[in-house]
Protein backbone atom coordinates (compact mmCIF):
# COMPACT_ATOMS: atom_id res chain seq x y z
CA MET A 1 -23.00 25.91 3.25
CA VAL A 2 -24.19 23.72 6.09
CA GLU A 3 -25.87 20.51 5.04
CA PHE A 4 -28.86 19.20 6.96
CA GLN A 5 -30.47 15.80 6.77
CA CYS A 6 -34.21 15.32 6.90
CA ARG A 7 -36.01 12.02 7.25
CA LEU A 8 -39.27 11.34 5.44
CA GLU A 9 -42.11 9.27 6.84
CA ASN A 10 -40.95 6.26 4.82
CA GLY A 11 -37.50 6.44 6.41
CA GLU A 12 -35.71 8.03 3.45
CA VAL A 13 -33.06 10.65 4.07
CA PHE A 14 -32.34 13.52 1.73
CA SER A 15 -29.80 16.29 1.52
CA VAL A 16 -31.06 19.84 1.87
CA GLU A 17 -27.86 21.13 0.26
CA PHE A 18 -28.60 19.30 -2.97
CA SER A 19 -32.08 20.80 -3.20
CA GLU A 20 -30.66 24.28 -2.68
CA LYS A 21 -27.93 23.73 -5.26
CA ILE A 22 -30.27 22.58 -7.99
CA ARG A 23 -32.79 25.35 -7.30
CA PHE A 24 -30.03 27.98 -7.42
CA LEU A 25 -28.58 26.66 -10.69
CA ARG A 26 -31.96 26.30 -12.37
CA LYS A 27 -32.82 29.93 -11.64
CA LYS A 28 -29.33 31.06 -12.61
CA ASN A 29 -29.82 29.39 -16.01
CA ARG A 30 -33.30 31.00 -16.25
CA LEU A 31 -35.06 27.68 -16.64
CA SER A 32 -38.48 26.76 -15.35
CA GLN A 33 -38.96 23.41 -13.64
CA GLU A 34 -40.79 22.23 -16.74
CA GLU A 35 -37.94 23.33 -19.06
CA LEU A 36 -35.29 21.63 -16.92
CA GLY A 37 -37.38 18.48 -16.74
CA ARG A 38 -37.82 18.40 -20.50
CA LYS A 39 -34.07 18.77 -21.08
CA VAL A 40 -33.14 15.91 -18.76
CA GLY A 41 -36.06 13.65 -19.63
CA VAL A 42 -38.15 13.83 -16.44
CA SER A 43 -41.38 15.53 -15.42
CA ASN A 44 -41.56 18.97 -13.82
CA ARG A 45 -43.01 17.14 -10.80
CA ALA A 46 -39.73 15.24 -10.43
CA VAL A 47 -37.76 18.51 -10.54
CA SER A 48 -40.11 19.99 -7.95
CA LYS A 49 -39.46 17.03 -5.64
CA TRP A 50 -35.69 17.49 -5.99
CA GLU A 51 -35.95 21.16 -5.09
CA ASN A 52 -38.25 20.45 -2.16
CA GLY A 53 -35.89 17.80 -0.83
CA GLN A 54 -38.36 14.96 -1.31
CA SER A 55 -36.22 12.84 -3.63
CA LEU A 56 -32.84 12.57 -5.36
CA PRO A 57 -32.20 11.82 -9.04
CA SER A 58 -30.56 8.60 -10.22
CA THR A 59 -26.91 8.65 -11.28
CA ASP A 60 -27.57 8.92 -15.01
CA THR A 61 -30.18 11.63 -14.49
CA LEU A 62 -27.81 13.55 -12.19
CA LEU A 63 -25.23 13.49 -15.00
CA SER A 64 -27.84 14.96 -17.34
CA VAL A 65 -28.75 17.64 -14.78
CA ALA A 66 -25.09 18.61 -14.33
CA THR A 67 -24.65 18.77 -18.09
CA VAL A 68 -27.68 20.97 -18.69
CA LEU A 69 -26.83 23.30 -15.79
CA GLY A 70 -23.18 23.63 -16.81
CA VAL A 71 -21.49 22.14 -13.74
CA THR A 72 -19.56 18.97 -12.97
CA LEU A 73 -20.88 15.97 -11.11
CA ASP A 74 -18.42 16.85 -8.35
CA TYR A 75 -20.37 20.07 -7.75
CA PHE A 76 -23.32 18.00 -6.61
CA LEU A 77 -21.40 15.14 -5.06
CA LYS A 78 -18.95 17.24 -3.01
CA ASN A 79 -19.74 16.93 0.69
CA GLU A 80 -22.58 14.57 -0.23
CA ILE A 81 -23.53 12.51 2.80
CA ALA A 82 -26.29 10.45 1.26
CA THR A 83 -25.78 6.76 1.94
CA ALA A 84 -26.67 3.74 -0.13
CA ARG A 85 -30.17 3.68 1.34
CA GLU A 86 -30.79 7.24 0.21
CA ARG A 87 -29.87 6.86 -3.46
CA ARG A 88 -33.02 6.89 -5.55
CA ILE A 89 -33.20 4.76 -8.65
CA GLU A 90 -35.66 5.39 -11.45
CA GLU A 91 -38.36 2.81 -11.88
CA GLY A 92 -38.15 0.03 -14.44
CA MET A 93 -35.46 -1.07 -16.88
CA GLU A 94 -34.67 -0.56 -20.54
CA SER A 95 -34.86 -3.27 -23.18
CA LEU A 96 -32.14 -5.91 -23.51
CA ARG A 97 -31.51 -4.28 -26.89
CA GLU A 98 -29.83 -1.46 -24.96
CA LEU A 99 -27.50 -3.93 -23.24
CA TYR A 100 -26.51 -6.36 -25.98
CA LYS A 101 -25.13 -4.38 -28.93
CA ILE A 102 -22.94 -5.27 -31.89
CA GLY A 103 -19.92 -3.02 -32.26
CA LYS A 104 -16.20 -2.86 -32.85
CA GLY A 105 -13.66 -3.18 -30.09
CA PRO A 106 -11.58 -2.65 -28.20
CA SER A 107 -13.68 -0.49 -25.83
CA SER A 108 -17.40 0.30 -25.69
CA SER A 109 -16.75 3.59 -23.89
CA HIS A 110 -13.53 4.51 -25.70
CA THR A 111 -14.35 3.48 -29.29
CA MET A 112 -18.04 2.59 -29.68
CA GLY A 113 -19.37 5.63 -27.79
CA PRO A 114 -17.10 8.21 -29.49
CA ALA A 115 -17.76 6.63 -32.90
CA LYS A 116 -21.50 6.92 -32.31
CA ALA A 117 -21.13 10.60 -31.34
CA ALA A 118 -18.97 11.31 -34.39
CA GLN A 119 -21.46 9.71 -36.76
CA LEU A 120 -24.35 11.70 -35.27
CA PHE A 121 -22.35 14.94 -35.49
CA ARG A 122 -21.31 14.29 -39.07
CA ARG A 123 -24.90 13.59 -40.16
CA LYS A 124 -25.99 16.84 -38.56
CA HIS A 125 -23.35 18.85 -40.45
CA PRO A 126 -23.01 17.51 -44.00
CA GLU A 127 -21.75 20.94 -45.08
CA ALA A 128 -18.66 20.77 -42.80
CA THR A 129 -15.22 20.79 -44.41
CA LEU A 130 -13.34 19.92 -41.21
CA PHE A 131 -14.09 18.34 -37.86
CA ARG A 132 -12.07 18.75 -34.69
CA ALA A 133 -12.11 16.47 -31.66
CA VAL A 134 -10.63 17.14 -28.22
CA LEU A 135 -10.46 14.26 -25.75
CA PHE A 136 -10.40 14.62 -21.97
CA GLY A 137 -10.10 12.41 -18.90
CA SER A 138 -9.85 8.70 -19.48
CA LEU A 139 -10.37 9.17 -23.22
CA ALA A 140 -7.31 11.42 -23.35
CA LYS A 141 -5.18 9.18 -21.17
CA THR A 142 -5.85 5.90 -22.96
CA GLY A 143 -7.43 6.90 -26.28
CA ALA A 144 -4.19 6.99 -28.27
CA GLU A 145 -3.30 3.44 -27.32
CA LEU A 146 -6.81 2.30 -28.25
CA SER A 147 -6.49 3.93 -31.72
CA LEU A 148 -9.35 6.28 -30.95
CA ASP A 149 -7.96 8.75 -33.49
CA ALA A 150 -8.27 6.11 -36.23
CA CYS A 151 -11.78 5.29 -35.01
CA LEU A 152 -12.80 8.95 -35.32
CA GLU A 153 -11.16 9.28 -38.73
CA GLU A 154 -13.19 6.32 -39.96
CA SER A 155 -16.40 7.76 -38.50
CA PHE A 156 -15.91 11.18 -40.13
CA HIS A 157 -14.55 9.85 -43.46
CA PRO A 158 -14.22 11.34 -46.05
CA ILE A 159 -14.24 14.65 -44.16
CA PRO A 160 -10.90 15.21 -42.35
CA VAL A 161 -10.74 15.38 -38.56
CA THR A 162 -8.02 16.60 -36.20
CA VAL A 163 -7.75 14.89 -32.82
CA ALA A 164 -6.21 16.50 -29.72
CA TYR A 165 -5.62 14.98 -26.28
CA ASP A 166 -6.11 17.29 -23.28
CA ARG A 167 -4.70 15.45 -20.25
CA GLU A 168 -4.59 18.51 -18.01
CA ARG A 169 -8.27 19.34 -17.49
CA LEU A 170 -9.39 17.57 -14.32
CA ALA A 171 -12.78 19.11 -13.48
CA LEU A 172 -14.94 17.03 -15.81
CA PRO A 173 -18.64 16.15 -15.71
CA HIS A 174 -17.72 12.56 -16.61
CA PRO A 175 -14.41 10.64 -16.85
CA ASN A 176 -15.03 9.99 -20.57
CA THR A 177 -15.50 13.51 -21.94
CA MET A 178 -14.90 14.73 -25.50
CA GLN A 179 -15.63 17.84 -27.55
CA LEU A 180 -16.46 17.88 -31.25
CA GLU A 181 -16.38 20.92 -33.51
CA ALA A 182 -17.72 21.26 -37.06
CA TRP A 183 -16.07 23.84 -39.32
CA GLU A 184 -16.97 25.16 -42.74
CA GLY A 185 -13.86 26.91 -43.87
CA HIS A 186 -12.99 29.34 -41.08
CA ARG A 187 -16.52 29.40 -39.65
CA LEU A 188 -17.36 27.35 -36.57
CA LEU A 189 -20.72 25.69 -37.16
CA GLU A 190 -21.27 24.03 -33.80
CA ARG A 191 -19.50 22.53 -30.79
CA TRP A 192 -20.70 19.50 -28.85
CA GLU A 193 -19.51 18.21 -25.49
CA ILE A 194 -20.16 14.49 -25.19
CA TYR A 195 -19.89 11.99 -22.35
CA SER A 196 -19.36 8.34 -23.20
CA VAL A 197 -21.13 6.77 -20.24
CA GLY A 198 -20.47 3.08 -20.88
CA GLY A 199 -21.76 0.23 -23.02
CA GLY A 200 -21.58 2.42 -26.14
CA SER A 201 -24.11 4.95 -24.78
CA ILE A 202 -23.51 8.71 -24.90
CA VAL A 203 -24.92 11.94 -23.43
CA ILE A 204 -24.62 15.25 -25.32
CA ALA A 205 -24.35 18.36 -23.14
CA GLY A 206 -27.14 20.89 -23.52
CA HIS A 207 -29.27 18.56 -25.61
CA PRO A 208 -32.41 16.78 -24.51
CA VAL A 209 -31.23 13.44 -23.27
CA PHE A 210 -32.62 10.56 -25.28
CA LYS A 211 -33.63 7.89 -22.85
CA PRO A 212 -34.81 4.58 -24.25
CA ARG A 213 -38.23 3.61 -22.98
CA ARG A 214 -38.17 1.55 -19.81
CA ILE A 215 -40.25 -1.41 -20.84
CA TYR A 216 -39.81 -3.42 -17.64
CA PRO A 217 -41.76 -2.35 -14.56
CA HIS A 218 -39.12 -3.71 -12.13
CA ASN A 219 -35.37 -3.14 -11.73
CA SER A 220 -34.36 -5.31 -8.76
CA PHE A 221 -33.91 -9.05 -8.61
CA ARG A 222 -36.16 -9.12 -5.57
CA ASP A 223 -39.09 -7.55 -7.39
CA ILE A 224 -38.54 -9.52 -10.59
CA ALA A 225 -38.32 -12.80 -8.66
CA SER A 226 -41.47 -11.96 -6.68
CA TYR A 227 -43.34 -11.26 -9.90
CA CYS A 228 -42.08 -14.45 -11.52
CA LYS A 229 -43.03 -16.57 -8.53
CA ALA A 230 -46.49 -15.03 -8.40
CA HIS A 231 -47.09 -15.72 -12.10
CA GLY A 232 -45.21 -19.00 -12.46
CA LEU A 233 -42.59 -17.59 -14.82
CA ARG A 234 -38.93 -18.29 -15.44
CA LEU A 235 -36.71 -15.27 -16.02
CA TRP A 236 -36.64 -15.74 -19.79
CA GLN A 237 -40.45 -15.82 -19.80
CA TYR A 238 -40.47 -12.58 -17.82
CA ALA A 239 -38.22 -11.04 -20.49
CA GLU A 240 -40.47 -12.31 -23.27
CA ARG A 241 -43.56 -10.92 -21.56
CA TYR A 242 -42.23 -7.35 -21.64
CA GLU A 243 -39.97 -7.48 -24.72
CA GLY A 244 -42.39 -9.38 -26.96
CA ARG A 245 -41.56 -12.51 -28.95
CA GLU A 246 -39.47 -10.47 -31.37
CA ILE A 247 -36.74 -10.35 -28.72
CA TRP A 248 -35.74 -13.86 -29.77
CA ASP A 249 -34.86 -12.70 -33.27
CA TYR A 250 -32.76 -9.94 -31.76
CA LEU A 251 -30.95 -12.26 -29.34
CA SER A 252 -30.42 -14.76 -32.14
CA ALA A 253 -28.64 -12.07 -34.17
CA MET A 254 -26.57 -11.17 -31.13
CA TRP A 255 -25.54 -14.79 -30.66
CA ASP A 256 -24.60 -15.12 -34.35
CA ALA A 257 -22.27 -12.14 -33.93
CA ALA A 258 -20.83 -13.47 -30.66
CA GLU A 259 -20.24 -16.92 -32.14
CA SER A 260 -18.56 -15.35 -35.17
CA ALA A 261 -16.22 -13.54 -32.79
CA ILE A 262 -15.33 -16.85 -31.13
CA GLU A 263 -14.62 -18.47 -34.50
CA ALA A 264 -12.56 -15.51 -35.69
CA GLY A 265 -10.53 -15.51 -32.50
CA LEU A 266 -9.88 -19.25 -32.62
CA SER A 267 -8.54 -19.05 -36.17
CA ALA A 268 -6.26 -16.03 -35.73
CA GLU A 269 -2.60 -16.05 -34.77
CA GLY A 270 0.19 -13.51 -34.34
CA GLU A 271 0.82 -10.47 -32.20
CA LEU A 272 -1.81 -7.95 -31.16
CA PHE A 273 -1.15 -4.32 -32.03
CA GLY A 274 -0.04 -1.87 -29.36
CA GLY A 275 3.59 -2.71 -28.70
CA LEU A 276 3.13 -4.97 -25.68
CA GLY A 277 4.14 -8.05 -27.62
CA VAL A 278 0.95 -9.90 -26.61
CA GLN A 279 0.54 -13.03 -28.69
CA ARG A 280 -2.84 -14.44 -29.60
CA ARG A 281 -3.24 -17.66 -27.61
CA ALA A 282 -6.82 -18.79 -28.16
CA LYS A 283 -6.05 -21.13 -31.06
CA LYS A 284 -3.19 -22.78 -29.19
CA LEU A 285 -5.22 -23.14 -26.02
CA CYS A 286 -8.12 -24.73 -27.89
CA SER A 287 -6.00 -27.36 -29.65
CA LEU A 288 -3.27 -28.06 -27.10
CA ARG A 289 -4.68 -30.99 -25.18
CA HIS A 290 -2.68 -32.36 -22.24
CA PRO A 291 -1.88 -36.12 -22.47
CA ASP A 292 -3.39 -36.74 -19.02
CA GLU A 293 -6.23 -34.24 -19.37
CA ASN A 294 -9.24 -34.95 -17.18
CA ALA A 295 -12.75 -33.58 -17.57
CA GLN A 296 -12.16 -30.59 -15.29
CA THR A 297 -8.94 -29.60 -17.05
CA ARG A 298 -10.64 -29.89 -20.42
CA GLU A 299 -13.48 -27.65 -19.24
CA ASN A 300 -11.08 -25.00 -17.99
CA ARG A 301 -9.05 -25.15 -21.20
CA LEU A 302 -11.99 -24.86 -23.59
CA VAL A 303 -13.88 -22.20 -21.61
CA SER A 304 -10.68 -20.16 -21.40
CA ALA A 305 -9.96 -20.67 -25.10
CA TYR A 306 -13.37 -19.32 -26.06
CA ALA A 307 -12.98 -16.33 -23.73
CA PHE A 308 -9.47 -15.67 -25.07
CA ALA A 309 -10.81 -15.88 -28.63
CA VAL A 310 -13.46 -13.19 -28.19
CA SER A 311 -11.25 -10.96 -26.03
CA GLU A 312 -8.35 -11.14 -28.49
CA HIS A 313 -10.71 -10.42 -31.37
CA ASN A 314 -11.99 -7.41 -29.42
CA ALA A 315 -8.46 -6.22 -28.61
CA ALA A 316 -7.70 -6.30 -32.34
CA GLY A 317 -10.66 -4.04 -33.08
CA GLY A 318 -12.91 -6.83 -34.31
CA THR A 319 -16.69 -6.95 -34.21
CA ILE A 320 -18.12 -8.24 -30.92
CA VAL A 321 -21.26 -8.08 -28.79
CA THR A 322 -21.24 -5.98 -25.63
CA ALA A 323 -22.02 -8.37 -22.80
CA PRO A 324 -22.28 -5.99 -21.09
CA THR A 325 -19.21 -4.12 -22.46
CA CYS A 326 -16.38 -4.62 -24.94
CA GLY A 327 -13.83 -5.12 -22.17
CA ALA A 328 -15.86 -8.00 -20.73
CA CYS A 329 -17.22 -9.35 -24.02
CA GLY A 330 -15.58 -12.78 -23.82
CA ILE A 331 -17.21 -14.13 -20.66
CA VAL A 332 -20.87 -14.72 -21.52
CA PRO A 333 -20.20 -16.10 -25.04
CA ALA A 334 -17.52 -18.48 -23.75
CA VAL A 335 -19.75 -19.89 -21.04
CA LEU A 336 -22.81 -20.19 -23.28
CA LYS A 337 -20.88 -21.99 -26.01
CA TYR A 338 -19.18 -24.45 -23.70
CA VAL A 339 -22.16 -25.38 -21.52
CA THR A 340 -24.67 -25.72 -24.38
CA GLU A 341 -22.29 -27.86 -26.44
CA GLU A 342 -21.26 -29.97 -23.47
CA LYS A 343 -24.88 -30.65 -22.50
CA GLY A 344 -26.09 -30.97 -26.08
CA LEU A 345 -28.65 -28.20 -25.60
CA SER A 346 -30.64 -26.47 -28.31
CA ARG A 347 -30.25 -22.97 -29.66
CA THR A 348 -33.55 -22.13 -27.98
CA ALA A 349 -32.11 -23.10 -24.61
CA LEU A 350 -29.06 -20.95 -25.33
CA LEU A 351 -31.15 -17.90 -26.20
CA ARG A 352 -33.24 -18.33 -23.06
CA ALA A 353 -30.06 -18.39 -21.01
CA MET A 354 -28.88 -15.28 -22.86
CA ALA A 355 -32.11 -13.50 -21.90
CA THR A 356 -31.64 -14.56 -18.28
CA ALA A 357 -28.08 -13.21 -18.33
CA GLY A 358 -29.35 -9.99 -19.90
CA LEU A 359 -31.81 -9.38 -17.08
CA VAL A 360 -29.00 -9.69 -14.53
CA GLY A 361 -26.83 -7.30 -16.53
CA ASN A 362 -29.73 -4.91 -16.89
CA ILE A 363 -30.28 -4.86 -13.13
CA ILE A 364 -26.63 -3.96 -12.59
CA LYS A 365 -26.67 -1.34 -15.34
CA THR A 366 -29.82 0.26 -13.90
CA ARG A 367 -29.04 0.11 -10.20
CA ALA A 368 -25.27 0.63 -10.37
CA SER A 369 -22.96 0.83 -13.38
CA ILE A 370 -21.29 -1.25 -16.09
CA SER A 371 -18.62 1.38 -16.75
CA GLY A 372 -14.99 0.74 -15.80
CA ALA A 373 -14.33 4.47 -15.79
CA GLU A 374 -17.08 4.94 -13.21
CA CYS A 375 -16.76 1.87 -10.96
CA GLY A 376 -13.65 -0.07 -12.02
CA CYS A 377 -13.43 -3.50 -13.58
CA GLN A 378 -15.83 -4.96 -11.02
CA ALA A 379 -18.52 -3.16 -13.04
CA GLU A 380 -17.42 -4.79 -16.29
CA VAL A 381 -15.89 -8.22 -15.69
CA GLY A 382 -17.75 -8.63 -12.40
CA SER A 383 -21.06 -7.87 -14.08
CA ALA A 384 -20.31 -10.20 -16.98
CA CYS A 385 -19.39 -13.00 -14.58
CA ALA A 386 -22.72 -12.56 -12.76
CA MET A 387 -24.56 -12.62 -16.08
CA ALA A 388 -22.77 -15.79 -17.16
CA ALA A 389 -23.41 -17.51 -13.82
CA ALA A 390 -27.12 -16.76 -14.11
CA ALA A 391 -27.08 -18.13 -17.67
CA VAL A 392 -25.54 -21.38 -16.44
CA GLY A 393 -28.24 -21.58 -13.80
CA GLU A 394 -30.91 -21.33 -16.48
CA LEU A 395 -29.17 -23.98 -18.62
CA HIS A 396 -29.14 -26.30 -15.60
CA GLY A 397 -32.82 -25.66 -14.89
CA TYR A 398 -32.16 -23.93 -11.55
CA ASP A 399 -34.97 -22.24 -9.67
CA LEU A 400 -35.02 -18.50 -9.09
CA ASP A 401 -33.23 -18.65 -5.74
CA GLN A 402 -30.41 -20.74 -7.19
CA ILE A 403 -30.01 -18.41 -10.18
CA GLU A 404 -29.92 -15.40 -7.88
CA TYR A 405 -27.31 -17.05 -5.67
CA ALA A 406 -25.15 -17.93 -8.70
CA ALA A 407 -25.17 -14.29 -9.84
CA GLU A 408 -24.59 -13.03 -6.29
CA VAL A 409 -21.55 -15.27 -5.71
CA ALA A 410 -20.08 -14.33 -9.08
CA LEU A 411 -20.39 -10.57 -8.52
CA GLU A 412 -19.53 -10.58 -4.82
CA HIS A 413 -16.11 -12.07 -5.42
CA HIS A 414 -15.20 -9.39 -7.93
CA LEU A 415 -15.87 -6.53 -5.50
CA GLY A 416 -13.04 -4.01 -5.48
CA LEU A 417 -11.58 -5.13 -8.82
CA THR A 418 -9.75 -2.19 -10.38
CA CYS A 419 -9.53 -1.20 -14.03
CA ASP A 420 -5.82 -0.76 -14.77
CA PRO A 421 -5.12 -1.83 -18.37
CA VAL A 422 -1.45 -1.57 -19.32
CA ARG A 423 -0.94 1.35 -21.77
CA GLY A 424 -4.71 1.68 -21.90
CA LEU A 425 -4.91 -1.34 -24.20
CA VAL A 426 -7.63 -3.90 -23.55
CA GLN A 427 -5.01 -6.67 -23.39
CA ILE A 428 -3.16 -6.91 -20.07
CA PRO A 429 -4.80 -7.96 -17.77
CA CYS A 430 -8.13 -7.85 -19.62
CA ILE A 431 -7.85 -10.92 -21.84
CA GLU A 432 -6.80 -13.31 -19.09
CA ARG A 433 -9.31 -11.70 -16.75
CA ASN A 434 -12.13 -12.64 -19.13
CA ALA A 435 -10.99 -16.27 -19.09
CA VAL A 436 -10.71 -16.43 -15.30
CA ALA A 437 -14.16 -14.85 -14.88
CA ALA A 438 -15.70 -17.30 -17.35
CA MET A 439 -14.40 -20.25 -15.32
CA ARG A 440 -15.51 -18.54 -12.11
CA ALA A 441 -19.04 -18.14 -13.47
CA ILE A 442 -19.35 -21.89 -13.95
CA HIS A 443 -17.97 -22.54 -10.48
CA ALA A 444 -20.33 -19.98 -8.91
CA ALA A 445 -23.29 -21.66 -10.58
CA SER A 446 -22.10 -25.06 -9.38
CA LEU A 447 -21.88 -23.79 -5.81
CA ALA A 448 -25.33 -22.25 -6.05
CA GLY A 449 -26.78 -25.57 -7.07
CA PHE A 450 -25.85 -26.98 -3.68
CA LEU A 451 -26.05 -24.08 -1.23
CA ALA A 452 -28.74 -21.65 -2.37
CA ASP A 453 -30.97 -22.59 0.56
CA SER A 454 -28.39 -21.28 3.03
CA ARG A 455 -27.45 -18.00 1.32
CA LYS A 456 -27.38 -14.84 3.43
CA ILE A 457 -26.88 -11.92 1.04
CA PRO A 458 -29.36 -10.93 -1.71
CA PHE A 459 -28.06 -10.11 -5.17
CA ASP A 460 -29.43 -6.55 -5.00
CA SER A 461 -27.30 -5.84 -1.91
CA VAL A 462 -24.14 -6.92 -3.73
CA VAL A 463 -25.05 -4.69 -6.69
CA GLU A 464 -25.40 -1.70 -4.37
CA THR A 465 -22.15 -2.63 -2.64
CA MET A 466 -20.39 -2.77 -5.98
CA TYR A 467 -21.65 0.69 -6.85
CA GLN A 468 -20.59 2.20 -3.53
CA THR A 469 -17.20 0.50 -3.74
CA GLY A 470 -16.71 1.88 -7.22
CA ARG A 471 -17.57 5.41 -6.19
CA ASP A 472 -15.11 5.15 -3.28
CA MET A 473 -12.37 3.77 -5.53
CA PRO A 474 -9.65 6.34 -6.31
CA ARG A 475 -10.10 7.78 -9.80
CA ARG A 476 -6.66 6.60 -10.95
CA TYR A 477 -7.82 2.99 -10.57
CA ARG A 478 -10.78 3.53 -12.87
CA GLU A 479 -9.55 3.19 -16.45
CA THR A 480 -7.03 6.01 -16.45
CA GLY A 481 -3.81 4.03 -16.94
CA GLU A 482 -2.32 5.88 -13.94
CA ALA A 483 -2.14 3.13 -11.30
CA GLY A 484 -1.85 -0.60 -10.68
CA LEU A 485 -0.48 -2.78 -13.44
CA ALA A 486 -0.70 0.15 -15.81
CA THR A 487 2.20 1.84 -14.02
CA LEU A 488 4.11 -1.11 -12.55
CA TYR A 489 4.25 -3.29 -15.65
CA ASP A 490 7.63 -3.28 -17.39
CA SER A 491 7.42 -4.55 -20.96
CA ASN A 492 11.21 -4.98 -21.04
CA GLU A 493 11.28 -7.24 -18.00
CA ARG A 494 11.93 -10.83 -18.96
CA ILE A 495 10.09 -13.64 -17.25
CA PRO A 496 12.48 -16.53 -16.57
CA LEU A 497 11.39 -19.70 -18.42
């Protein structure tokens, strides 16, 4: 099929081929525009615009469309010539409650998401005598090392579950795909296909997609900053205006959990599971002061120790807070703890900084991705570093331009970062990477304090660049364990001391 481009009066370009594809599939599945819209959580007017070539769905909505219509994302994306300027993003943002979540490590997409799906499936079928799970894509390639089978067994307990790993199926709607079956004796009750889309969130094929209400009217830093400047608000006040004052109780609970993870990580010793021989180093790093240690060395040591603590706790399957994911959970807590303690700031100041960080993470989640399987580690550690840098800016009392520049610098210098965990474990290079990003966040904020008035690139442009870079990144570098350190690391190689 030949693809044509048409330009609207507002300058937008759309793909005629996409409109024809979606119209063909909708009719093939005998769905009205209203029925399709209801299944994917949009209006029939939105579906009509897609079919008339007037707009394109956002990434998460496109995944829902592909799921409902029984095709892969590649079906729509193949030969796609839409550029960054053409990608439409739904209006508004979800609550910070959908970003910061308490869960068990080591991976939000590989343990939290599947566990959530298993619990929902089990509650739906209390009569089942057996459950079966088949894992595909990244879940199949790294799930065994992440003890995903044990995670599913715990979620289905006391009903038994069998877990199979299908590493051959390549045409998948999403890199993190799994199937669940419920059996009563020899009778199949139901089968679900689930996509773990990052941050612990899931999509169930063929089911109406639950989309949390978008409580914020804006989803770009530009629009949020314009609103704040017009109304004399700081970013945390903007969050409070749309979340309500109860958001502080929620963030306080999140910080309690994050701080507990730091404390647990600082007190633990020994070797992490998985066979890589990785020793816990947070406790040693926190207490091992150099005789000639200066202020900068002390800062680096303590920030790194806190990041190591949370990341090691996560790698061991401990309880953490997604900030924005399990794999990047050590960065924001480490920075918040160090800066607030060093400056003697109150818990209120910390929570305000946490809200500021959450808005930055929410922008990235909405306009791009926080999933390593979708966009590489730049989407996880890079996003967390931007969040932490913005938090530091708030703690220092920066203005909006300085906070934006801090987040921009932090994310920009993670562009292209691949997700290549050795053996699929969230250990090498993930733990050290959290520590390095935590230090980088503080440095980015420091730079922004001096140079924000001369910045050239807006934060929103870097977010879009990150997304496009991630989509261009070869699949094997996106949390598959098939490239980079994951294939070149030799656990038997001895480093000379």
